[in-house]
Amino acid sequence: MNYTGPKVRLSRKLGTDLTPKASKVSAKKPYPPGQHGNTKRRAKQSDYGRQLKEKQRLRFQYNVSERQMVNYYKASTGLTGNTGDILVQQLETRLDALVLRAGLARTIYAARQLVTHGHVNINGRKLNIPSYHVKLNDVIAIKEKTQKNDFVQDSVRTGNPPPYLELSKADFSAKLLYVPPLEEIPIICEVPLVVEYYSK
């Protein structure tokens, strides 16, 4: 099940800004949430605790369920190459993730909503599956009617996509140029710890 609770609290717990609002709050309160977040001495984290935290960090940055994460991990272990790199590449080439990266939405939650409500086209065809695997040279575009939405216009206006995406602000569209290497993907996570967590 996807997370629907308070995003700012979750962001402070994970140490990762999931929304613009979380970024503002974290700047003022750079410590975990709760009554004693700023004063309580934290016990030293175990290896398992660190692995769990990194797994949760990665999972919530893409807003996927635990079952989906397990499936992505299993699929990545069956492919040739570095398991961690392949895992993140599979997550990054999800439709909702690329809608966010391209600047067509400001948060992963907004990106998911745009997709599920049918506001996004792939190569001119409507697609409402957030987990759809985007292929090379696929063109992601916001429907013409939705382009008039103020939130979408603000997102595109300030969009600054990574090098593996080509954004056309005039057309509200983006093209996947290549599968990005891990170092180009803007996530905050120690991926090897995630692999260790699932490999047990």
N, C-alpha and C. Protein backbone atom coordinates (compact mmCIF):
# COMPACT_ATOMS: atom_id res chain seq x y z
N MET A 1 0.85 -1.20 0.00
CA MET A 1 0.00 0.00 0.00
C MET A 1 0.89 1.25 0.00
N ASN A 2 0.53 2.25 -0.77
CA ASN A 2 1.31 3.48 -0.85
C ASN A 2 1.04 4.35 0.36
N TYR A 3 2.06 5.12 0.74
CA TYR A 3 1.97 5.96 1.93
C TYR A 3 1.05 7.15 1.70
N THR A 4 0.12 7.37 2.65
CA THR A 4 -0.82 8.49 2.54
C THR A 4 -0.80 9.38 3.79
N GLY A 5 0.15 9.13 4.69
CA GLY A 5 0.23 9.90 5.93
C GLY A 5 0.94 11.22 5.76
N PRO A 6 1.31 11.87 6.89
CA PRO A 6 1.98 13.18 6.84
C PRO A 6 3.37 13.10 6.20
N LYS A 7 3.56 13.83 5.13
CA LYS A 7 4.81 13.75 4.36
C LYS A 7 5.98 14.43 5.07
N VAL A 8 5.70 15.54 5.76
CA VAL A 8 6.78 16.27 6.44
C VAL A 8 7.37 15.44 7.57
N ARG A 9 6.51 14.82 8.34
CA ARG A 9 6.97 13.98 9.46
C ARG A 9 7.83 12.82 8.94
N LEU A 10 7.35 12.19 7.86
CA LEU A 10 8.10 11.08 7.26
C LEU A 10 9.46 11.57 6.75
N SER A 11 9.47 12.74 6.12
CA SER A 11 10.71 13.30 5.58
C SER A 11 11.73 13.54 6.68
N ARG A 12 11.29 14.09 7.80
CA ARG A 12 12.19 14.36 8.92
C ARG A 12 12.70 13.06 9.54
N LYS A 13 11.86 12.05 9.57
CA LYS A 13 12.26 10.76 10.11
C LYS A 13 13.35 10.11 9.26
N LEU A 14 13.19 10.21 7.93
CA LEU A 14 14.13 9.57 7.02
C LEU A 14 15.34 10.44 6.69
N GLY A 15 15.23 11.74 6.98
CA GLY A 15 16.32 12.64 6.63
C GLY A 15 16.38 12.92 5.14
N THR A 16 15.22 12.84 4.49
CA THR A 16 15.12 13.04 3.04
C THR A 16 13.90 13.89 2.74
N ASP A 17 14.06 14.98 2.01
CA ASP A 17 12.94 15.86 1.70
C ASP A 17 12.11 15.27 0.56
N LEU A 18 10.86 14.87 0.88
CA LEU A 18 9.99 14.26 -0.11
C LEU A 18 9.11 15.28 -0.83
N THR A 19 8.96 16.46 -0.25
CA THR A 19 8.14 17.52 -0.84
C THR A 19 8.81 18.87 -0.61
N PRO A 20 8.44 19.91 -1.39
CA PRO A 20 9.00 21.26 -1.16
C PRO A 20 8.70 21.76 0.25
N LYS A 21 7.51 21.44 0.77
CA LYS A 21 7.15 21.86 2.13
C LYS A 21 8.08 21.21 3.15
N ALA A 22 8.37 19.93 2.95
CA ALA A 22 9.27 19.21 3.86
C ALA A 22 10.65 19.84 3.86
N SER A 23 11.08 20.32 2.71
CA SER A 23 12.39 20.97 2.60
C SER A 23 12.45 22.23 3.45
N LYS A 24 11.37 23.01 3.43
CA LYS A 24 11.31 24.25 4.22
C LYS A 24 11.31 23.95 5.72
N VAL A 25 10.51 22.95 6.10
CA VAL A 25 10.42 22.60 7.52
C VAL A 25 11.73 22.03 8.03
N SER A 26 12.37 21.18 7.21
CA SER A 26 13.63 20.55 7.62
C SER A 26 14.74 21.59 7.82
N ALA A 27 14.67 22.68 7.06
CA ALA A 27 15.67 23.74 7.21
C ALA A 27 15.55 24.40 8.59
N LYS A 28 14.31 24.47 9.10
CA LYS A 28 14.08 25.07 10.41
C LYS A 28 14.25 24.05 11.54
N LYS A 29 13.92 22.79 11.24
CA LYS A 29 13.97 21.73 12.26
C LYS A 29 14.78 20.55 11.73
N PRO A 30 16.10 20.68 11.70
CA PRO A 30 16.96 19.61 11.14
C PRO A 30 17.19 18.46 12.11
N TYR A 31 16.13 17.93 12.66
CA TYR A 31 16.23 16.81 13.59
C TYR A 31 14.95 15.96 13.46
N PRO A 32 14.96 14.73 13.98
CA PRO A 32 13.80 13.84 13.83
C PRO A 32 12.54 14.42 14.46
N PRO A 33 11.35 13.97 14.06
CA PRO A 33 10.10 14.47 14.61
C PRO A 33 9.87 13.94 16.02
N GLY A 34 8.88 14.49 16.68
CA GLY A 34 8.52 14.02 18.01
C GLY A 34 8.92 14.99 19.11
N GLN A 35 8.35 14.79 20.28
CA GLN A 35 8.56 15.69 21.41
C GLN A 35 10.03 15.80 21.81
N HIS A 36 10.77 14.68 21.68
CA HIS A 36 12.16 14.67 22.10
C HIS A 36 13.13 14.59 20.92
N GLY A 37 12.64 14.91 19.74
CA GLY A 37 13.47 14.79 18.55
C GLY A 37 14.74 15.60 18.58
N ASN A 38 14.68 16.76 19.25
CA ASN A 38 15.84 17.66 19.26
C ASN A 38 16.74 17.46 20.47
N THR A 39 16.28 16.65 21.45
CA THR A 39 17.05 16.53 22.69
C THR A 39 17.44 15.10 23.04
N LYS A 40 16.60 14.16 22.68
CA LYS A 40 16.84 12.77 23.09
C LYS A 40 18.11 12.20 22.45
N ARG A 41 18.93 11.55 23.28
CA ARG A 41 20.12 10.90 22.76
C ARG A 41 19.72 9.63 22.03
N ARG A 42 20.13 9.50 20.80
CA ARG A 42 19.76 8.35 19.99
C ARG A 42 20.74 7.20 20.22
N ALA A 43 20.18 6.01 20.40
CA ALA A 43 21.02 4.83 20.55
C ALA A 43 21.75 4.55 19.24
N LYS A 44 22.94 3.96 19.35
CA LYS A 44 23.69 3.65 18.14
C LYS A 44 22.91 2.65 17.30
N GLN A 45 22.78 2.96 16.01
CA GLN A 45 21.98 2.12 15.12
C GLN A 45 22.71 0.83 14.76
N SER A 46 21.97 -0.26 14.76
CA SER A 46 22.54 -1.55 14.37
C SER A 46 22.70 -1.61 12.85
N ASP A 47 23.43 -2.60 12.36
CA ASP A 47 23.58 -2.78 10.92
C ASP A 47 22.21 -2.97 10.27
N TYR A 48 21.37 -3.77 10.91
CA TYR A 48 20.02 -4.01 10.37
C TYR A 48 19.22 -2.71 10.34
N GLY A 49 19.36 -1.91 11.41
CA GLY A 49 18.64 -0.64 11.47
C GLY A 49 19.04 0.30 10.35
N ARG A 50 20.34 0.35 10.05
CA ARG A 50 20.83 1.20 8.95
C ARG A 50 20.31 0.69 7.62
N GLN A 51 20.33 -0.62 7.43
CA GLN A 51 19.82 -1.20 6.18
C GLN A 51 18.34 -0.91 6.01
N LEU A 52 17.59 -1.05 7.09
CA LEU A 52 16.14 -0.80 7.04
C LEU A 52 15.86 0.66 6.70
N LYS A 53 16.61 1.58 7.33
CA LYS A 53 16.39 3.00 7.07
C LYS A 53 16.68 3.34 5.61
N GLU A 54 17.75 2.81 5.06
CA GLU A 54 18.08 3.11 3.66
C GLU A 54 17.05 2.51 2.71
N LYS A 55 16.56 1.32 3.06
CA LYS A 55 15.51 0.71 2.23
C LYS A 55 14.25 1.57 2.24
N GLN A 56 13.89 2.07 3.43
CA GLN A 56 12.71 2.92 3.55
C GLN A 56 12.92 4.24 2.81
N ARG A 57 14.13 4.77 2.91
CA ARG A 57 14.45 6.00 2.17
C ARG A 57 14.20 5.83 0.67
N LEU A 58 14.74 4.75 0.13
CA LEU A 58 14.58 4.50 -1.31
C LEU A 58 13.13 4.27 -1.67
N ARG A 59 12.44 3.47 -0.88
CA ARG A 59 11.04 3.12 -1.16
C ARG A 59 10.15 4.35 -1.18
N PHE A 60 10.32 5.22 -0.19
CA PHE A 60 9.44 6.39 -0.10
C PHE A 60 9.79 7.47 -1.10
N GLN A 61 11.03 7.52 -1.57
CA GLN A 61 11.38 8.50 -2.61
C GLN A 61 10.66 8.17 -3.92
N TYR A 62 10.30 6.89 -4.10
CA TYR A 62 9.56 6.50 -5.30
C TYR A 62 8.10 6.18 -5.00
N ASN A 63 7.71 6.29 -3.72
CA ASN A 63 6.33 6.06 -3.31
C ASN A 63 5.79 4.71 -3.82
N VAL A 64 6.56 3.64 -3.56
CA VAL A 64 6.12 2.30 -3.95
C VAL A 64 5.90 1.46 -2.70
N SER A 65 5.09 0.42 -2.84
CA SER A 65 4.78 -0.45 -1.71
C SER A 65 5.94 -1.41 -1.45
N GLU A 66 5.91 -2.05 -0.29
CA GLU A 66 6.96 -3.02 0.03
C GLU A 66 6.93 -4.20 -0.94
N ARG A 67 5.75 -4.63 -1.32
CA ARG A 67 5.64 -5.74 -2.28
C ARG A 67 6.28 -5.36 -3.62
N GLN A 68 6.04 -4.14 -4.07
CA GLN A 68 6.65 -3.69 -5.32
C GLN A 68 8.17 -3.66 -5.20
N MET A 69 8.68 -3.20 -4.05
CA MET A 69 10.13 -3.15 -3.85
C MET A 69 10.73 -4.55 -3.92
N VAL A 70 10.08 -5.50 -3.28
CA VAL A 70 10.57 -6.89 -3.31
C VAL A 70 10.58 -7.41 -4.74
N ASN A 71 9.54 -7.12 -5.50
CA ASN A 71 9.47 -7.57 -6.89
C ASN A 71 10.56 -6.93 -7.74
N TYR A 72 10.82 -5.64 -7.52
CA TYR A 72 11.89 -4.96 -8.26
C TYR A 72 13.25 -5.57 -7.91
N TYR A 73 13.44 -5.89 -6.63
CA TYR A 73 14.72 -6.49 -6.22
C TYR A 73 14.90 -7.86 -6.86
N LYS A 74 13.85 -8.68 -6.83
CA LYS A 74 13.94 -10.02 -7.42
C LYS A 74 14.24 -9.94 -8.91
N ALA A 75 13.60 -8.98 -9.58
CA ALA A 75 13.82 -8.81 -11.02
C ALA A 75 15.26 -8.37 -11.30
N SER A 76 15.79 -7.49 -10.44
CA SER A 76 17.15 -6.97 -10.65
C SER A 76 18.21 -8.04 -10.42
N THR A 77 17.93 -9.00 -9.53
CA THR A 77 18.92 -10.06 -9.28
C THR A 77 19.00 -11.04 -10.46
N GLY A 78 17.96 -11.07 -11.29
CA GLY A 78 17.96 -11.97 -12.43
C GLY A 78 18.59 -11.38 -13.68
N LEU A 79 19.06 -10.13 -13.59
CA LEU A 79 19.66 -9.45 -14.74
C LEU A 79 21.17 -9.34 -14.55
N THR A 80 21.87 -9.24 -15.65
CA THR A 80 23.34 -9.13 -15.60
C THR A 80 23.76 -7.71 -15.24
N GLY A 81 24.64 -7.60 -14.25
CA GLY A 81 25.13 -6.29 -13.85
C GLY A 81 25.03 -6.11 -12.35
N ASN A 82 25.33 -4.90 -11.89
CA ASN A 82 25.27 -4.58 -10.47
C ASN A 82 23.81 -4.53 -10.01
N THR A 83 23.46 -5.35 -9.03
CA THR A 83 22.07 -5.45 -8.58
C THR A 83 21.53 -4.12 -8.09
N GLY A 84 22.32 -3.38 -7.32
CA GLY A 84 21.87 -2.10 -6.80
C GLY A 84 21.59 -1.09 -7.90
N ASP A 85 22.51 -1.01 -8.87
CA ASP A 85 22.32 -0.09 -9.99
C ASP A 85 21.06 -0.43 -10.77
N ILE A 86 20.87 -1.72 -11.04
CA ILE A 86 19.71 -2.15 -11.83
C ILE A 86 18.42 -1.88 -11.07
N LEU A 87 18.44 -2.11 -9.76
CA LEU A 87 17.25 -1.86 -8.93
C LEU A 87 16.81 -0.40 -9.03
N VAL A 88 17.77 0.52 -8.87
CA VAL A 88 17.43 1.95 -8.91
C VAL A 88 17.02 2.36 -10.33
N GLN A 89 17.67 1.81 -11.35
CA GLN A 89 17.30 2.12 -12.73
C GLN A 89 15.87 1.69 -13.04
N GLN A 90 15.47 0.54 -12.49
CA GLN A 90 14.09 0.09 -12.70
C GLN A 90 13.09 1.03 -12.04
N LEU A 91 13.43 1.49 -10.85
CA LEU A 91 12.56 2.43 -10.15
C LEU A 91 12.52 3.78 -10.87
N GLU A 92 13.69 4.21 -11.35
CA GLU A 92 13.79 5.53 -12.00
C GLU A 92 13.06 5.58 -13.33
N THR A 93 12.94 4.46 -14.03
CA THR A 93 12.26 4.47 -15.33
C THR A 93 10.78 4.17 -15.22
N ARG A 94 10.24 4.21 -14.00
CA ARG A 94 8.79 4.18 -13.83
C ARG A 94 8.21 5.48 -14.42
N LEU A 95 7.00 5.41 -14.91
CA LEU A 95 6.38 6.59 -15.52
C LEU A 95 6.22 7.73 -14.52
N ASP A 96 5.73 7.43 -13.31
CA ASP A 96 5.52 8.52 -12.35
C ASP A 96 6.85 9.16 -11.92
N ALA A 97 7.91 8.35 -11.82
CA ALA A 97 9.21 8.89 -11.43
C ALA A 97 9.75 9.85 -12.50
N LEU A 98 9.58 9.50 -13.77
CA LEU A 98 10.10 10.35 -14.85
C LEU A 98 9.25 11.61 -15.04
N VAL A 99 7.96 11.52 -14.72
CA VAL A 99 7.11 12.72 -14.74
C VAL A 99 7.65 13.73 -13.71
N LEU A 100 8.05 13.22 -12.56
CA LEU A 100 8.65 14.07 -11.53
C LEU A 100 9.99 14.63 -11.98
N ARG A 101 10.89 13.76 -12.44
CA ARG A 101 12.25 14.19 -12.82
C ARG A 101 12.22 15.22 -13.95
N ALA A 102 11.27 15.05 -14.88
CA ALA A 102 11.20 15.96 -16.02
C ALA A 102 10.73 17.36 -15.62
N GLY A 103 10.13 17.46 -14.42
CA GLY A 103 9.63 18.76 -13.98
C GLY A 103 8.17 18.96 -14.34
N LEU A 104 7.49 17.89 -14.73
CA LEU A 104 6.06 17.99 -15.07
C LEU A 104 5.19 17.96 -13.82
N ALA A 105 5.79 17.60 -12.69
CA ALA A 105 5.12 17.62 -11.39
C ALA A 105 6.17 17.96 -10.34
N ARG A 106 5.74 18.49 -9.19
CA ARG A 106 6.70 18.95 -8.17
C ARG A 106 7.05 17.87 -7.15
N THR A 107 6.17 16.88 -6.99
CA THR A 107 6.44 15.80 -6.03
C THR A 107 6.07 14.46 -6.68
N ILE A 108 6.57 13.38 -6.09
CA ILE A 108 6.25 12.05 -6.61
C ILE A 108 4.76 11.75 -6.42
N TYR A 109 4.16 12.36 -5.40
CA TYR A 109 2.73 12.15 -5.14
C TYR A 109 1.88 12.85 -6.21
N ALA A 110 2.28 14.06 -6.58
CA ALA A 110 1.58 14.78 -7.64
C ALA A 110 1.76 14.08 -8.98
N ALA A 111 2.96 13.54 -9.21
CA ALA A 111 3.23 12.83 -10.46
C ALA A 111 2.34 11.59 -10.57
N ARG A 112 2.24 10.85 -9.48
CA ARG A 112 1.40 9.65 -9.46
C ARG A 112 -0.07 10.01 -9.73
N GLN A 113 -0.51 11.11 -9.13
CA GLN A 113 -1.90 11.53 -9.32
C GLN A 113 -2.17 11.94 -10.78
N LEU A 114 -1.22 12.65 -11.38
CA LEU A 114 -1.38 13.03 -12.79
C LEU A 114 -1.54 11.79 -13.67
N VAL A 115 -0.72 10.78 -13.39
CA VAL A 115 -0.76 9.57 -14.21
C VAL A 115 -2.05 8.79 -13.98
N THR A 116 -2.40 8.54 -12.72
CA THR A 116 -3.58 7.71 -12.44
C THR A 116 -4.89 8.37 -12.89
N HIS A 117 -4.90 9.70 -12.94
CA HIS A 117 -6.11 10.41 -13.36
C HIS A 117 -6.16 10.62 -14.88
N GLY A 118 -5.20 10.05 -15.59
CA GLY A 118 -5.25 10.07 -17.04
C GLY A 118 -4.80 11.35 -17.70
N HIS A 119 -3.92 12.12 -17.02
CA HIS A 119 -3.46 13.40 -17.58
C HIS A 119 -2.14 13.29 -18.34
N VAL A 120 -1.62 12.06 -18.46
CA VAL A 120 -0.31 11.86 -19.08
C VAL A 120 -0.41 10.92 -20.28
N ASN A 121 0.27 11.29 -21.36
CA ASN A 121 0.33 10.45 -22.55
C ASN A 121 1.75 9.92 -22.75
N ILE A 122 1.84 8.74 -23.33
CA ILE A 122 3.13 8.18 -23.75
C ILE A 122 3.06 7.97 -25.25
N ASN A 123 3.90 8.66 -25.98
CA ASN A 123 3.91 8.59 -27.45
C ASN A 123 2.51 8.83 -28.03
N GLY A 124 1.81 9.81 -27.42
CA GLY A 124 0.50 10.20 -27.93
C GLY A 124 -0.65 9.34 -27.44
N ARG A 125 -0.37 8.34 -26.61
CA ARG A 125 -1.42 7.44 -26.11
C ARG A 125 -1.57 7.61 -24.61
N LYS A 126 -2.82 7.75 -24.16
CA LYS A 126 -3.06 7.92 -22.73
C LYS A 126 -2.67 6.68 -21.96
N LEU A 127 -1.99 6.90 -20.82
CA LEU A 127 -1.55 5.78 -20.00
C LEU A 127 -1.72 6.16 -18.54
N ASN A 128 -2.45 5.36 -17.78
CA ASN A 128 -2.72 5.70 -16.38
C ASN A 128 -2.13 4.70 -15.40
N ILE A 129 -0.98 4.10 -15.77
CA ILE A 129 -0.31 3.13 -14.91
C ILE A 129 1.02 3.73 -14.43
N PRO A 130 1.10 4.15 -13.16
CA PRO A 130 2.32 4.79 -12.65
C PRO A 130 3.56 3.92 -12.76
N SER A 131 3.40 2.60 -12.67
CA SER A 131 4.55 1.70 -12.69
C SER A 131 5.00 1.33 -14.10
N TYR A 132 4.36 1.89 -15.11
CA TYR A 132 4.73 1.58 -16.50
C TYR A 132 6.22 1.83 -16.72
N HIS A 133 6.90 0.87 -17.34
CA HIS A 133 8.34 1.00 -17.60
C HIS A 133 8.56 1.80 -18.89
N VAL A 134 9.08 3.01 -18.74
CA VAL A 134 9.33 3.89 -19.89
C VAL A 134 10.57 3.40 -20.63
N LYS A 135 10.46 3.32 -21.96
CA LYS A 135 11.56 2.82 -22.78
C LYS A 135 12.31 3.98 -23.43
N LEU A 136 13.49 3.68 -23.96
CA LEU A 136 14.31 4.71 -24.60
C LEU A 136 13.54 5.39 -25.72
N ASN A 137 13.67 6.70 -25.79
CA ASN A 137 13.03 7.56 -26.80
C ASN A 137 11.52 7.66 -26.68
N ASP A 138 10.94 7.09 -25.61
CA ASP A 138 9.52 7.33 -25.35
C ASP A 138 9.32 8.79 -24.99
N VAL A 139 8.21 9.37 -25.47
CA VAL A 139 7.90 10.77 -25.18
C VAL A 139 6.74 10.83 -24.18
N ILE A 140 7.01 11.43 -23.04
CA ILE A 140 6.00 11.62 -21.99
C ILE A 140 5.45 13.03 -22.14
N ALA A 141 4.13 13.16 -22.21
CA ALA A 141 3.54 14.49 -22.41
C ALA A 141 2.29 14.66 -21.56
N ILE A 142 2.09 15.89 -21.10
CA ILE A 142 0.88 16.24 -20.37
C ILE A 142 -0.22 16.52 -21.38
N LYS A 143 -1.43 16.03 -21.12
CA LYS A 143 -2.55 16.27 -22.04
C LYS A 143 -2.77 17.77 -22.23
N GLU A 144 -3.20 18.12 -23.42
CA GLU A 144 -3.34 19.53 -23.78
C GLU A 144 -4.24 20.29 -22.80
N LYS A 145 -5.35 19.69 -22.41
CA LYS A 145 -6.28 20.35 -21.49
C LYS A 145 -5.64 20.58 -20.12
N THR A 146 -4.83 19.63 -19.67
CA THR A 146 -4.19 19.70 -18.35
C THR A 146 -3.05 20.72 -18.34
N GLN A 147 -2.52 21.05 -19.50
CA GLN A 147 -1.41 22.01 -19.58
C GLN A 147 -1.80 23.39 -19.04
N LYS A 148 -3.11 23.66 -18.97
CA LYS A 148 -3.58 24.96 -18.48
C LYS A 148 -3.60 25.02 -16.96
N ASN A 149 -3.40 23.88 -16.30
CA ASN A 149 -3.41 23.82 -14.84
C ASN A 149 -2.25 24.63 -14.27
N ASP A 150 -2.54 25.48 -13.29
CA ASP A 150 -1.52 26.37 -12.71
C ASP A 150 -0.36 25.60 -12.08
N PHE A 151 -0.69 24.49 -11.39
CA PHE A 151 0.36 23.71 -10.73
C PHE A 151 1.30 23.08 -11.76
N VAL A 152 0.72 22.60 -12.85
CA VAL A 152 1.54 22.00 -13.91
C VAL A 152 2.40 23.05 -14.57
N GLN A 153 1.83 24.22 -14.84
CA GLN A 153 2.58 25.31 -15.47
C GLN A 153 3.74 25.78 -14.58
N ASP A 154 3.49 25.89 -13.27
CA ASP A 154 4.55 26.29 -12.34
C ASP A 154 5.67 25.26 -12.29
N SER A 155 5.28 23.98 -12.32
CA SER A 155 6.27 22.91 -12.28
C SER A 155 7.17 22.94 -13.51
N VAL A 156 6.55 23.07 -14.68
CA VAL A 156 7.31 23.07 -15.93
C VAL A 156 8.19 24.32 -16.03
N ARG A 157 7.67 25.44 -15.59
CA ARG A 157 8.42 26.70 -15.66
C ARG A 157 9.73 26.61 -14.87
N THR A 158 9.69 25.92 -13.73
CA THR A 158 10.89 25.81 -12.89
C THR A 158 11.61 24.47 -13.08
N GLY A 159 11.16 23.68 -14.04
CA GLY A 159 11.73 22.35 -14.26
C GLY A 159 13.20 22.40 -14.67
N ASN A 160 13.99 21.53 -14.09
CA ASN A 160 15.41 21.43 -14.41
C ASN A 160 15.78 19.94 -14.47
N PRO A 161 15.41 19.26 -15.56
CA PRO A 161 15.56 17.81 -15.62
C PRO A 161 17.03 17.35 -15.67
N PRO A 162 17.29 16.13 -15.23
CA PRO A 162 18.64 15.56 -15.32
C PRO A 162 19.01 15.31 -16.78
N PRO A 163 20.28 15.04 -17.08
CA PRO A 163 20.73 14.93 -18.47
C PRO A 163 20.10 13.79 -19.29
N TYR A 164 19.56 12.79 -18.63
CA TYR A 164 18.96 11.67 -19.38
C TYR A 164 17.53 11.96 -19.85
N LEU A 165 17.04 13.16 -19.53
CA LEU A 165 15.71 13.57 -19.99
C LEU A 165 15.81 14.87 -20.78
N GLU A 166 15.10 14.93 -21.88
CA GLU A 166 15.05 16.14 -22.71
C GLU A 166 13.67 16.75 -22.55
N LEU A 167 13.61 17.91 -21.92
CA LEU A 167 12.33 18.56 -21.63
C LEU A 167 12.02 19.63 -22.67
N SER A 168 10.78 19.58 -23.17
CA SER A 168 10.28 20.63 -24.06
C SER A 168 9.21 21.39 -23.29
N LYS A 169 9.58 22.57 -22.78
CA LYS A 169 8.63 23.34 -21.98
C LYS A 169 7.46 23.84 -22.82
N ALA A 170 7.69 24.07 -24.11
CA ALA A 170 6.62 24.55 -24.98
C ALA A 170 5.54 23.49 -25.18
N ASP A 171 5.98 22.22 -25.23
CA ASP A 171 5.03 21.13 -25.48
C ASP A 171 4.62 20.38 -24.22
N PHE A 172 5.19 20.78 -23.06
CA PHE A 172 4.92 20.07 -21.81
C PHE A 172 5.23 18.58 -21.98
N SER A 173 6.38 18.30 -22.57
CA SER A 173 6.74 16.91 -22.84
C SER A 173 8.21 16.67 -22.53
N ALA A 174 8.55 15.40 -22.38
CA ALA A 174 9.94 15.02 -22.09
C ALA A 174 10.23 13.68 -22.75
N LYS A 175 11.49 13.51 -23.17
CA LYS A 175 11.90 12.25 -23.82
C LYS A 175 13.02 11.62 -23.01
N LEU A 176 12.93 10.28 -22.84
CA LEU A 176 14.00 9.55 -22.16
C LEU A 176 15.10 9.26 -23.18
N LEU A 177 16.28 9.85 -22.97
CA LEU A 177 17.37 9.73 -23.92
C LEU A 177 18.21 8.47 -23.72
N TYR A 178 18.39 8.09 -22.48
CA TYR A 178 19.17 6.88 -22.18
C TYR A 178 18.88 6.42 -20.75
N VAL A 179 19.19 5.17 -20.47
CA VAL A 179 19.03 4.65 -19.11
C VAL A 179 20.14 5.25 -18.26
N PRO A 180 19.80 5.99 -17.22
CA PRO A 180 20.83 6.73 -16.47
C PRO A 180 21.69 5.84 -15.58
N PRO A 181 22.98 6.14 -15.48
CA PRO A 181 23.83 5.46 -14.48
C PRO A 181 23.43 5.95 -13.09
N LEU A 182 23.76 5.18 -12.09
CA LEU A 182 23.34 5.49 -10.72
C LEU A 182 23.77 6.88 -10.28
N GLU A 183 24.98 7.31 -10.68
CA GLU A 183 25.49 8.61 -10.21
C GLU A 183 24.70 9.80 -10.76
N GLU A 184 23.92 9.61 -11.81
CA GLU A 184 23.13 10.70 -12.37
C GLU A 184 21.72 10.76 -11.79
N ILE A 185 21.33 9.73 -11.07
CA ILE A 185 19.96 9.67 -10.54
C ILE A 185 19.91 10.42 -9.20
N PRO A 186 19.08 11.47 -9.10
CA PRO A 186 19.06 12.32 -7.90
C PRO A 186 18.30 11.72 -6.71
N ILE A 187 18.88 10.69 -6.11
CA ILE A 187 18.27 10.10 -4.92
C ILE A 187 19.24 10.23 -3.75
N ILE A 188 18.70 10.18 -2.54
CA ILE A 188 19.52 10.18 -1.33
C ILE A 188 19.37 8.80 -0.71
N CYS A 189 20.38 7.97 -0.88
CA CYS A 189 20.29 6.59 -0.40
C CYS A 189 21.62 5.88 -0.58
N GLU A 190 21.96 5.05 0.40
CA GLU A 190 23.13 4.18 0.27
C GLU A 190 22.63 2.85 -0.28
N VAL A 191 22.64 2.74 -1.59
CA VAL A 191 22.03 1.61 -2.29
C VAL A 191 22.59 0.25 -1.86
N PRO A 192 23.92 0.11 -1.62
CA PRO A 192 24.44 -1.20 -1.20
C PRO A 192 23.76 -1.73 0.07
N LEU A 193 23.36 -0.83 0.98
CA LEU A 193 22.68 -1.26 2.20
C LEU A 193 21.29 -1.80 1.89
N VAL A 194 20.65 -1.26 0.87
CA VAL A 194 19.33 -1.76 0.45
C VAL A 194 19.46 -3.18 -0.10
N VAL A 195 20.49 -3.40 -0.90
CA VAL A 195 20.75 -4.74 -1.45
C VAL A 195 21.05 -5.73 -0.32
N GLU A 196 21.84 -5.28 0.67
CA GLU A 196 22.13 -6.15 1.82
C GLU A 196 20.85 -6.51 2.56
N TYR A 197 19.95 -5.55 2.70
CA TYR A 197 18.69 -5.78 3.42
C TYR A 197 17.87 -6.87 2.74
N TYR A 198 17.75 -6.79 1.43
CA TYR A 198 16.90 -7.76 0.71
C TYR A 198 17.60 -9.08 0.43
N SER A 199 18.92 -9.11 0.52
CA SER A 199 19.65 -10.34 0.19
C SER A 199 19.64 -11.38 1.31
N LYS A 200 19.13 -11.00 2.46
CA LYS A 200 19.12 -11.92 3.61
C LYS A 200 18.06 -13.01 3.45
